[in-house]
N, C-alpha and C. Protein backbone atom coordinates (compact mmCIF):
# COMPACT_ATOMS: atom_id res chain seq x y z
N UNK A 1 0.96 -1.09 -0.16
CA UNK A 1 0.00 0.03 0.21
C UNK A 1 0.90 1.31 -0.02
N UNK A 2 0.48 2.37 -0.89
CA UNK A 2 1.26 3.56 -0.97
C UNK A 2 0.87 4.60 -0.03
N UNK A 3 1.74 5.16 0.70
CA UNK A 3 1.51 6.03 1.99
C UNK A 3 0.89 7.14 1.25
N UNK A 4 0.45 8.01 2.18
CA UNK A 4 0.05 9.56 1.66
C UNK A 4 1.17 10.57 1.46
N UNK A 5 2.32 10.18 1.93
CA UNK A 5 3.39 10.80 1.95
C UNK A 5 4.12 10.46 0.48
N UNK A 6 4.08 9.34 0.13
CA UNK A 6 4.48 8.75 -1.32
C UNK A 6 3.59 9.32 -2.38
N UNK A 7 2.42 9.31 -2.06
CA UNK A 7 1.34 9.84 -3.08
C UNK A 7 1.43 11.23 -3.19
N UNK A 8 1.86 12.06 -2.15
CA UNK A 8 1.95 13.69 -2.46
C UNK A 8 3.34 13.84 -3.36
N UNK A 9 4.42 12.91 -2.99
CA UNK A 9 5.48 12.98 -3.60
C UNK A 9 5.21 12.78 -5.41
N UNK A 10 4.44 11.64 -5.63
CA UNK A 10 4.12 11.33 -6.96
C UNK A 10 3.14 12.47 -7.47
N UNK A 11 2.33 12.96 -6.81
CA UNK A 11 1.38 14.10 -7.51
C UNK A 11 2.41 15.43 -7.72
N UNK A 12 3.53 15.65 -6.93
CA UNK A 12 4.22 16.78 -7.15
C UNK A 12 5.20 16.64 -8.19
N UNK A 13 5.70 15.23 -8.30
CA UNK A 13 6.40 14.80 -9.54
C UNK A 13 5.64 15.02 -10.88
N UNK A 14 4.61 14.62 -10.58
CA UNK A 14 3.48 14.66 -12.07
C UNK A 14 3.64 16.02 -12.33
N UNK A 15 3.28 16.95 -11.58
CA UNK A 15 3.23 18.42 -12.06
C UNK A 15 4.59 18.97 -12.39
N UNK A 16 5.85 18.40 -11.85
CA UNK A 16 7.04 18.74 -12.51
C UNK A 16 7.02 18.27 -13.93
N UNK A 17 6.73 17.09 -14.19
CA UNK A 17 6.72 16.43 -15.73
C UNK A 17 6.14 16.92 -16.42
N UNK A 18 4.91 17.49 -16.13
CA UNK A 18 4.00 18.30 -17.22
C UNK A 18 4.31 19.48 -17.31
N UNK A 19 5.25 19.98 -16.70
CA UNK A 19 5.30 21.78 -16.80
C UNK A 19 5.62 22.15 -18.13
N UNK A 20 6.89 21.72 -18.52
CA UNK A 20 7.52 22.06 -19.76
C UNK A 20 6.68 21.37 -21.15
N UNK A 21 5.96 20.25 -21.19
CA UNK A 21 5.29 19.92 -22.21
C UNK A 21 4.27 20.89 -22.36
N UNK A 22 3.45 21.38 -21.33
CA UNK A 22 2.30 22.31 -21.38
C UNK A 22 2.91 23.70 -21.78
N UNK A 23 3.95 24.04 -21.30
CA UNK A 23 4.72 25.30 -21.56
C UNK A 23 4.88 25.31 -23.28
N UNK A 24 5.49 24.14 -23.69
CA UNK A 24 5.90 24.03 -25.06
C UNK A 24 4.74 23.77 -26.25
N UNK A 25 3.18 24.00 -25.76
CA UNK A 25 2.48 24.08 -26.78
C UNK A 25 2.29 25.45 -27.41
N UNK A 26 3.38 26.38 -27.16
CA UNK A 26 3.91 27.53 -28.00
C UNK A 26 5.23 27.02 -28.13
N UNK A 27 5.53 26.55 -29.44
CA UNK A 27 6.63 26.00 -29.76
C UNK A 27 7.83 26.66 -29.71
N UNK A 28 7.81 27.97 -30.00
CA UNK A 28 9.07 28.95 -29.89
C UNK A 28 9.60 29.08 -28.35
N UNK A 29 8.78 28.66 -27.46
CA UNK A 29 9.30 28.85 -26.03
C UNK A 29 10.19 27.49 -25.76
N UNK A 30 10.20 26.47 -26.36
CA UNK A 30 11.10 25.63 -26.19
C UNK A 30 12.69 26.09 -26.67
N UNK A 31 12.66 26.73 -27.68
CA UNK A 31 13.80 26.99 -28.45
C UNK A 31 14.31 28.32 -27.39
N UNK A 32 13.54 29.10 -27.08
CA UNK A 32 14.13 30.10 -26.21
C UNK A 32 14.96 29.57 -25.08
N UNK A 33 13.87 28.87 -24.50
CA UNK A 33 14.57 28.01 -23.14
C UNK A 33 15.69 27.50 -23.40
N UNK A 34 15.59 26.58 -24.45
CA UNK A 34 17.37 25.77 -24.75
C UNK A 34 18.18 26.70 -25.10
N UNK A 35 18.05 27.90 -25.81
CA UNK A 35 18.91 28.68 -26.05
C UNK A 35 19.63 29.36 -24.75
N UNK A 36 18.42 29.66 -23.75
CA UNK A 36 19.24 30.17 -22.23
C UNK A 36 20.01 29.23 -21.78
N UNK A 37 19.62 27.83 -21.62
CA UNK A 37 20.34 26.81 -21.11
C UNK A 37 21.74 26.63 -21.47
N UNK A 38 21.81 26.79 -22.74
CA UNK A 38 23.28 26.65 -23.57
C UNK A 38 23.97 27.70 -22.92
N UNK A 39 23.31 29.24 -23.08
CA UNK A 39 24.32 30.44 -22.51
C UNK A 39 24.66 30.13 -21.33
N UNK A 40 23.70 29.69 -20.36
CA UNK A 40 24.17 29.25 -19.23
C UNK A 40 25.30 28.17 -18.96
N UNK A 41 25.62 27.32 -19.92
CA UNK A 41 26.65 26.45 -19.64
C UNK A 41 25.81 25.13 -19.28
N UNK A 42 24.57 25.30 -19.46
CA UNK A 42 23.58 23.89 -18.76
C UNK A 42 23.39 22.92 -19.89
N UNK A 43 23.75 21.62 -20.02
CA UNK A 43 23.42 20.82 -21.06
C UNK A 43 21.82 20.51 -20.79
N UNK A 44 21.02 21.11 -22.15
CA UNK A 44 19.72 20.87 -22.41
C UNK A 44 18.88 19.74 -21.63
N UNK A 45 19.32 18.53 -22.00
CA UNK A 45 18.66 17.44 -21.21
C UNK A 45 18.74 17.57 -19.65
N UNK A 46 19.92 17.90 -18.86
CA UNK A 46 20.22 17.72 -17.55
C UNK A 46 19.60 19.21 -17.43
N UNK A 47 19.46 20.32 -17.82
CA UNK A 47 18.61 21.48 -17.47
C UNK A 47 17.08 21.32 -17.34
N UNK A 48 16.84 20.67 -18.41
CA UNK A 48 14.93 20.65 -18.35
C UNK A 48 14.82 19.60 -17.56
N UNK A 49 15.35 18.39 -17.06
CA UNK A 49 15.28 17.42 -15.93
C UNK A 49 15.49 18.14 -14.82
N UNK A 50 16.26 19.05 -14.67
CA UNK A 50 16.42 19.99 -13.29
C UNK A 50 15.05 20.77 -13.24
N UNK A 51 14.61 21.43 -14.20
CA UNK A 51 13.47 22.02 -14.00
C UNK A 51 12.46 21.38 -13.54
N UNK A 52 12.46 20.13 -14.15
CA UNK A 52 11.24 19.42 -13.71
C UNK A 52 11.18 18.87 -12.19
N UNK A 53 12.34 18.57 -11.92
CA UNK A 53 12.48 18.17 -10.37
C UNK A 53 12.47 19.40 -9.56
N UNK A 54 12.90 20.35 -9.67
CA UNK A 54 13.12 21.60 -9.20
C UNK A 54 11.66 22.15 -8.74
N UNK A 55 10.80 21.82 -9.92
CA UNK A 55 9.40 22.17 -9.82
C UNK A 55 8.42 21.18 -8.86
N UNK A 56 9.04 19.94 -9.02
CA UNK A 56 8.43 18.75 -8.07
C UNK A 56 9.10 19.23 -6.86
N UNK A 57 10.09 19.35 -6.29
CA UNK A 57 10.56 19.90 -5.10
C UNK A 57 10.17 20.80 -4.33
N UNK A 58 9.76 21.79 -5.09
CA UNK A 58 9.19 23.31 -4.58
C UNK A 58 7.64 22.98 -4.13
N UNK A 59 7.00 22.14 -5.04
CA UNK A 59 5.32 22.15 -4.77
C UNK A 59 5.62 21.07 -3.58
N UNK A 60 6.45 20.18 -3.33
CA UNK A 60 6.52 19.11 -2.46
C UNK A 60 6.77 19.86 -0.99
N UNK A 61 7.78 20.97 -1.07
CA UNK A 61 8.30 21.72 0.06
C UNK A 61 6.90 22.45 0.55
N UNK A 62 6.27 23.30 -0.34
CA UNK A 62 5.15 23.95 0.15
C UNK A 62 4.07 23.24 0.48
N UNK A 63 3.67 21.99 0.13
CA UNK A 63 2.59 21.12 0.47
C UNK A 63 3.07 20.58 1.92
N UNK A 64 4.42 20.17 2.29
CA UNK A 64 4.98 19.74 3.61
C UNK A 64 4.91 20.72 4.34
N UNK A 65 5.18 21.82 4.13
CA UNK A 65 5.17 22.92 5.03
C UNK A 65 3.86 23.34 5.59
N UNK A 66 2.65 22.94 4.54
CA UNK A 66 1.63 23.55 4.98
C UNK A 66 0.89 22.20 5.53
N UNK A 67 1.27 21.32 5.99
CA UNK A 67 1.06 19.74 6.04
C UNK A 67 -0.22 19.35 5.47
N UNK A 68 -0.12 19.54 4.21
CA UNK A 68 -1.08 19.01 3.14
C UNK A 68 -1.07 17.67 2.85
N UNK A 69 -2.16 16.91 2.60
CA UNK A 69 -2.11 15.47 1.80
C UNK A 69 -2.20 15.46 0.62
N UNK A 70 -1.73 14.32 -0.09
CA UNK A 70 -1.69 14.20 -1.37
C UNK A 70 -2.98 14.96 -2.20
N UNK A 71 -4.11 14.63 -1.79
CA UNK A 71 -5.36 15.01 -2.25
C UNK A 71 -5.60 16.47 -2.18
N UNK A 72 -4.73 16.92 -0.84
CA UNK A 72 -4.98 18.53 -0.78
C UNK A 72 -3.95 19.59 -1.57
N UNK A 73 -3.02 18.73 -1.92
CA UNK A 73 -2.08 19.32 -2.65
C UNK A 73 -2.23 20.19 -3.86
N UNK A 74 -3.32 19.57 -4.62
CA UNK A 74 -3.66 20.06 -5.78
C UNK A 74 -4.15 21.51 -5.54
N UNK A 75 -4.74 21.89 -4.47
CA UNK A 75 -5.30 23.02 -4.24
C UNK A 75 -4.07 24.04 -4.15
N UNK A 76 -2.87 23.89 -3.93
CA UNK A 76 -1.60 24.94 -3.87
C UNK A 76 -1.74 25.95 -5.15
N UNK A 77 -1.42 27.35 -4.92
CA UNK A 77 -1.50 28.18 -5.79
C UNK A 77 -0.28 28.20 -6.30
N UNK A 78 -0.34 28.17 -7.72
CA UNK A 78 1.14 28.26 -8.61
C UNK A 78 1.86 29.38 -7.98
N UNK A 79 1.22 30.52 -7.49
CA UNK A 79 2.36 31.36 -7.16
C UNK A 79 3.05 30.91 -5.63
N UNK A 80 2.55 29.99 -4.78
CA UNK A 80 3.34 29.63 -4.07
C UNK A 80 4.42 28.58 -4.01
N UNK A 81 3.99 27.94 -5.14
CA UNK A 81 5.24 27.18 -5.96
C UNK A 81 6.34 27.73 -6.32
N UNK A 82 5.89 28.74 -7.06
CA UNK A 82 6.87 29.78 -7.79
C UNK A 82 7.79 30.35 -6.71
N UNK A 83 7.04 30.93 -5.73
CA UNK A 83 7.92 31.40 -4.87
C UNK A 83 8.76 30.65 -4.00
N UNK A 84 8.38 29.32 -3.67
CA UNK A 84 9.21 28.51 -3.12
C UNK A 84 10.60 27.82 -4.20
N UNK A 85 10.39 28.01 -5.49
CA UNK A 85 11.32 27.60 -6.34
C UNK A 85 12.45 28.70 -6.23
N UNK A 86 12.18 29.96 -5.94
CA UNK A 86 13.09 31.12 -5.70
C UNK A 86 13.53 31.46 -4.71
N UNK A 87 12.71 31.22 -3.72
CA UNK A 87 12.91 31.69 -2.39
C UNK A 87 13.33 30.74 -1.20
N UNK A 88 13.18 29.62 -1.29
CA UNK A 88 13.91 28.68 -0.49
C UNK A 88 15.33 28.08 -1.10
N UNK A 89 15.95 28.00 0.18
CA UNK A 89 17.22 27.39 0.04
C UNK A 89 17.23 25.90 -0.45
N UNK A 90 18.18 25.58 -1.28
CA UNK A 90 18.18 24.25 -1.67
C UNK A 90 17.94 23.12 -0.88
N UNK A 91 18.84 23.26 0.57
CA UNK A 91 18.35 22.15 1.45
C UNK A 91 17.02 22.21 1.99
N UNK A 92 16.33 23.34 1.99
CA UNK A 92 14.91 23.24 2.37
C UNK A 92 13.67 22.62 1.30
N UNK A 93 14.47 22.71 0.08
CA UNK A 93 13.47 21.95 -1.00
C UNK A 93 14.02 20.54 -0.90
N UNK A 94 14.95 20.18 -0.19
CA UNK A 94 15.10 18.66 -0.04
C UNK A 94 14.66 18.12 1.36
N UNK A 95 14.23 18.87 2.15
CA UNK A 95 13.55 18.44 3.51
C UNK A 95 12.36 17.68 3.38
N UNK A 96 12.12 16.71 4.10
CA UNK A 96 10.71 15.62 4.06
C UNK A 96 10.50 14.94 2.73
N UNK A 97 11.44 14.57 2.05
CA UNK A 97 11.16 13.98 0.61
C UNK A 97 11.33 12.31 1.32
N UNK A 98 10.48 11.46 0.59
CA UNK A 98 10.34 10.37 0.80
C UNK A 98 11.72 9.53 0.78
N UNK A 99 11.79 8.41 1.73
CA UNK A 99 12.90 7.80 1.70
C UNK A 99 13.49 7.11 0.55
N UNK A 100 12.56 6.51 -0.19
CA UNK A 100 12.83 5.63 -1.49
C UNK A 100 11.76 6.53 -2.64
N UNK A 101 11.94 6.40 -3.75
CA UNK A 101 11.21 6.75 -4.76
C UNK A 101 10.66 5.57 -5.56
N UNK A 102 9.15 5.30 -6.05
CA UNK A 102 8.89 4.38 -6.59
C UNK A 102 9.35 4.74 -8.21
N UNK A 103 9.72 5.76 -8.52
CA UNK A 103 10.06 5.88 -9.95
C UNK A 103 11.63 6.06 -9.86
N UNK A 104 12.41 5.37 -10.69
CA UNK A 104 13.89 5.60 -10.71
C UNK A 104 14.36 6.89 -11.18
N UNK A 105 13.65 7.33 -12.15
CA UNK A 105 13.86 8.79 -12.71
C UNK A 105 13.77 9.74 -11.79
N UNK A 106 12.82 9.82 -10.55
CA UNK A 106 12.84 10.62 -9.67
C UNK A 106 13.74 10.58 -8.81
N UNK A 107 14.19 9.45 -8.23
CA UNK A 107 15.52 9.06 -7.35
C UNK A 107 16.58 9.79 -8.02
N UNK A 108 16.76 9.39 -9.25
CA UNK A 108 18.27 10.01 -9.85
C UNK A 108 18.02 11.38 -10.13
N UNK A 109 17.19 12.03 -10.32
CA UNK A 109 16.98 13.36 -10.59
C UNK A 109 16.96 14.19 -9.16
N UNK A 110 16.52 13.67 -8.33
CA UNK A 110 16.79 14.17 -6.79
C UNK A 110 18.05 14.09 -6.41
N UNK A 111 18.78 12.87 -6.68
CA UNK A 111 20.31 12.80 -6.35
C UNK A 111 21.23 14.12 -7.14
N UNK A 112 20.94 14.19 -8.52
CA UNK A 112 21.53 15.09 -9.29
C UNK A 112 21.35 16.34 -8.93
N UNK A 113 20.17 16.94 -8.00
CA UNK A 113 19.51 17.98 -7.70
C UNK A 113 20.59 18.26 -6.48
N UNK A 114 20.70 17.03 -5.64
CA UNK A 114 21.68 17.19 -4.10
C UNK A 114 23.18 17.59 -4.56
N UNK A 115 23.40 16.57 -5.93
CA UNK A 115 24.99 16.89 -6.09
C UNK A 115 25.34 18.35 -6.23
N UNK A 116 24.37 18.90 -7.25
CA UNK A 116 24.48 20.54 -7.78
C UNK A 116 24.08 21.16 -6.33
N UNK A 117 23.32 20.99 -5.32
CA UNK A 117 22.88 21.87 -4.19
C UNK A 117 24.47 21.89 -3.40
N UNK A 118 24.93 20.51 -3.18
CA UNK A 118 26.18 20.70 -2.28
C UNK A 118 27.52 20.93 -2.78
N UNK A 119 27.45 20.87 -4.13
CA UNK A 119 28.79 21.36 -4.81
C UNK A 119 29.18 22.86 -4.78
N UNK A 120 27.91 23.65 -4.66
CA UNK A 120 28.46 24.82 -4.55
C UNK A 120 28.70 25.77 -5.65
N UNK A 121 29.28 26.92 -5.53
CA UNK A 121 29.95 27.77 -6.84
C UNK A 121 29.14 27.89 -7.91
N UNK A 122 29.51 27.38 -9.09
CA UNK A 122 28.82 27.32 -10.46
C UNK A 122 27.40 26.47 -10.45
N UNK A 123 27.56 25.28 -9.51
CA UNK A 123 26.46 24.65 -9.40
C UNK A 123 25.25 25.33 -8.88
N UNK A 124 25.41 25.90 -7.79
CA UNK A 124 24.23 26.86 -7.22
C UNK A 124 23.90 28.08 -8.01
N UNK A 125 24.93 28.45 -8.60
CA UNK A 125 24.30 29.71 -9.82
C UNK A 125 23.30 28.92 -10.74
N UNK A 126 23.70 27.89 -11.36
CA UNK A 126 22.87 26.96 -12.18
C UNK A 126 21.68 26.86 -11.65
N UNK A 127 21.52 26.40 -10.43
CA UNK A 127 20.39 25.98 -9.45
C UNK A 127 19.36 27.37 -9.46
N UNK A 128 19.95 28.25 -9.08
CA UNK A 128 19.31 29.63 -9.08
C UNK A 128 18.82 30.09 -10.53
N UNK A 129 19.29 29.88 -11.43
CA UNK A 129 18.91 30.29 -12.71
C UNK A 129 17.89 29.33 -13.07
N UNK A 130 17.90 28.04 -12.87
CA UNK A 130 16.86 27.01 -13.25
C UNK A 130 15.55 27.29 -12.11
N UNK A 131 15.95 27.81 -10.88
CA UNK A 131 14.60 28.14 -10.23
C UNK A 131 13.80 29.51 -11.06
N UNK A 132 14.77 30.34 -11.64
CA UNK A 132 13.97 31.61 -12.29
C UNK A 132 13.52 30.84 -13.35
N UNK A 133 13.87 29.81 -14.10
CA UNK A 133 13.17 29.30 -15.10
C UNK A 133 11.94 28.53 -14.75
N UNK A 134 11.88 28.06 -13.50
CA UNK A 134 10.72 27.47 -13.03
C UNK A 134 9.53 28.71 -12.67
N UNK A 135 10.08 29.61 -12.36
CA UNK A 135 9.13 30.87 -11.43
C UNK A 135 8.55 31.47 -13.08
N UNK A 136 9.15 31.34 -14.21
CA UNK A 136 9.00 32.21 -15.26
C UNK A 136 7.99 30.99 -15.96
N UNK A 137 8.32 30.01 -16.10
CA UNK A 137 7.31 28.93 -16.49
C UNK A 137 5.93 28.88 -15.94
N UNK A 138 5.88 29.06 -14.63
CA UNK A 138 4.55 29.05 -14.24
C UNK A 138 4.00 30.40 -14.16
N UNK A 139 4.62 31.45 -14.39
CA UNK A 139 3.95 32.91 -14.66
C UNK A 139 3.35 32.72 -15.77
N UNK A 140 3.97 32.02 -16.99
CA UNK A 140 3.36 31.86 -18.29
C UNK A 140 2.25 31.31 -18.17
N UNK A 141 2.18 29.95 -17.55
CA UNK A 141 1.18 29.17 -17.51
C UNK A 141 -0.17 29.89 -16.84
N UNK A 142 0.43 30.59 -15.86
CA UNK A 142 -0.82 31.34 -15.00
C UNK A 142 -1.52 32.46 -15.92
N UNK A 143 -0.59 33.16 -16.69
CA UNK A 143 -1.06 34.29 -17.57
C UNK A 143 -1.94 33.72 -18.71
N UNK A 144 -2.03 32.51 -19.10
CA UNK A 144 -2.59 31.80 -20.17
C UNK A 144 -3.98 31.27 -19.32
N UNK A 145 -4.00 31.30 -18.23
CA UNK A 145 -5.31 30.89 -17.72
C UNK A 145 -6.60 31.96 -17.67
N UNK A 146 -7.54 31.42 -17.53
CA UNK A 146 -8.88 32.33 -17.60
C UNK A 146 -9.06 32.53 -15.86
N UNK A 147 -8.80 31.68 -15.21
CA UNK A 147 -8.91 31.81 -14.04
C UNK A 147 -8.19 32.86 -12.97
N UNK A 148 -8.41 33.19 -12.23
CA UNK A 148 -7.74 34.33 -11.44
C UNK A 148 -6.34 34.08 -10.63
N UNK A 149 -6.38 32.90 -10.11
CA UNK A 149 -5.55 32.34 -8.93
C UNK A 149 -5.30 30.88 -9.36
N UNK A 150 -4.54 30.53 -10.37
CA UNK A 150 -4.18 29.25 -10.93
C UNK A 150 -3.78 28.51 -9.79
N UNK A 151 -4.20 27.08 -9.43
CA UNK A 151 -3.75 26.12 -8.88
C UNK A 151 -2.88 24.91 -9.55
N UNK A 152 -2.19 24.10 -8.61
CA UNK A 152 -1.72 22.82 -9.31
C UNK A 152 -2.57 22.05 -9.88
N UNK A 153 -3.95 22.05 -9.18
CA UNK A 153 -5.33 21.32 -9.98
C UNK A 153 -5.48 21.66 -11.28
N UNK A 154 -5.32 23.26 -11.57
CA UNK A 154 -5.45 23.67 -12.97
C UNK A 154 -4.69 23.20 -13.75
N UNK A 155 -3.42 22.89 -13.29
CA UNK A 155 -2.41 22.55 -14.59
C UNK A 155 -2.42 21.06 -14.70
N UNK A 156 -2.64 19.99 -13.42
CA UNK A 156 -2.86 18.96 -13.60
C UNK A 156 -4.31 18.49 -14.54
N UNK A 157 -5.09 19.33 -14.59
CA UNK A 157 -6.34 19.17 -15.50
C UNK A 157 -6.03 19.48 -16.85
N UNK A 158 -5.33 20.58 -16.98
CA UNK A 158 -4.67 20.94 -18.29
C UNK A 158 -3.90 19.86 -18.99
N UNK A 159 -3.12 19.18 -18.33
CA UNK A 159 -2.02 18.03 -18.63
C UNK A 159 -2.83 17.05 -18.88
N UNK A 160 -3.89 16.45 -18.27
CA UNK A 160 -4.91 15.31 -18.63
C UNK A 160 -5.84 15.63 -19.84
N UNK A 161 -6.23 16.92 -20.01
CA UNK A 161 -6.83 17.40 -21.22
C UNK A 161 -6.06 17.16 -22.42
N UNK A 162 -4.51 17.39 -22.31
CA UNK A 162 -3.63 17.27 -23.32
C UNK A 162 -3.14 16.23 -23.64
N UNK A 163 -3.67 15.12 -22.61
CA UNK A 163 -3.44 13.71 -22.91
C UNK A 163 -1.73 13.39 -22.50
N UNK A 164 -1.14 14.24 -21.75
CA UNK A 164 0.11 14.11 -21.51
C UNK A 164 0.36 12.85 -20.34
N UNK A 165 1.19 11.96 -20.62
CA UNK A 165 1.29 10.58 -19.64
C UNK A 165 1.44 11.01 -18.17
N UNK A 166 1.03 10.10 -17.40
CA UNK A 166 1.26 10.15 -15.77
C UNK A 166 2.48 9.22 -15.50
């Protein structure tokens, strides 16, 4: 049986995975993001995966701080996730994670994030830049929405409607 804590991570990880495909519905955005990653000296595949995991970590940190269950986390405002992506320290984003991950991709991505966080110097700068990329992505998605205060539930619903894999 899956614990609520594990389910919370899975919902947050799903949010991270669907973020860029939703943004890339405007194809030119992908090209610009990839140009920025290259200009920052970040490998595109690594950078995009770190954007995904950074989004997941930020959503998870906000949900854990608010003591939300997996079912309640979808009510998180995107603005709170964006604030956490740029406002929390790396170690704060890593606090409260599950001990193990059902998805090996999540386990590896979190380990890579840890390496960047603990390495310092250039890696810390890259995480800061990726955090601003997450904030920008969430702001673009929020600006597209017809509702006033976009939540994680709205993004997940949009991903389901777009047929993105879970």
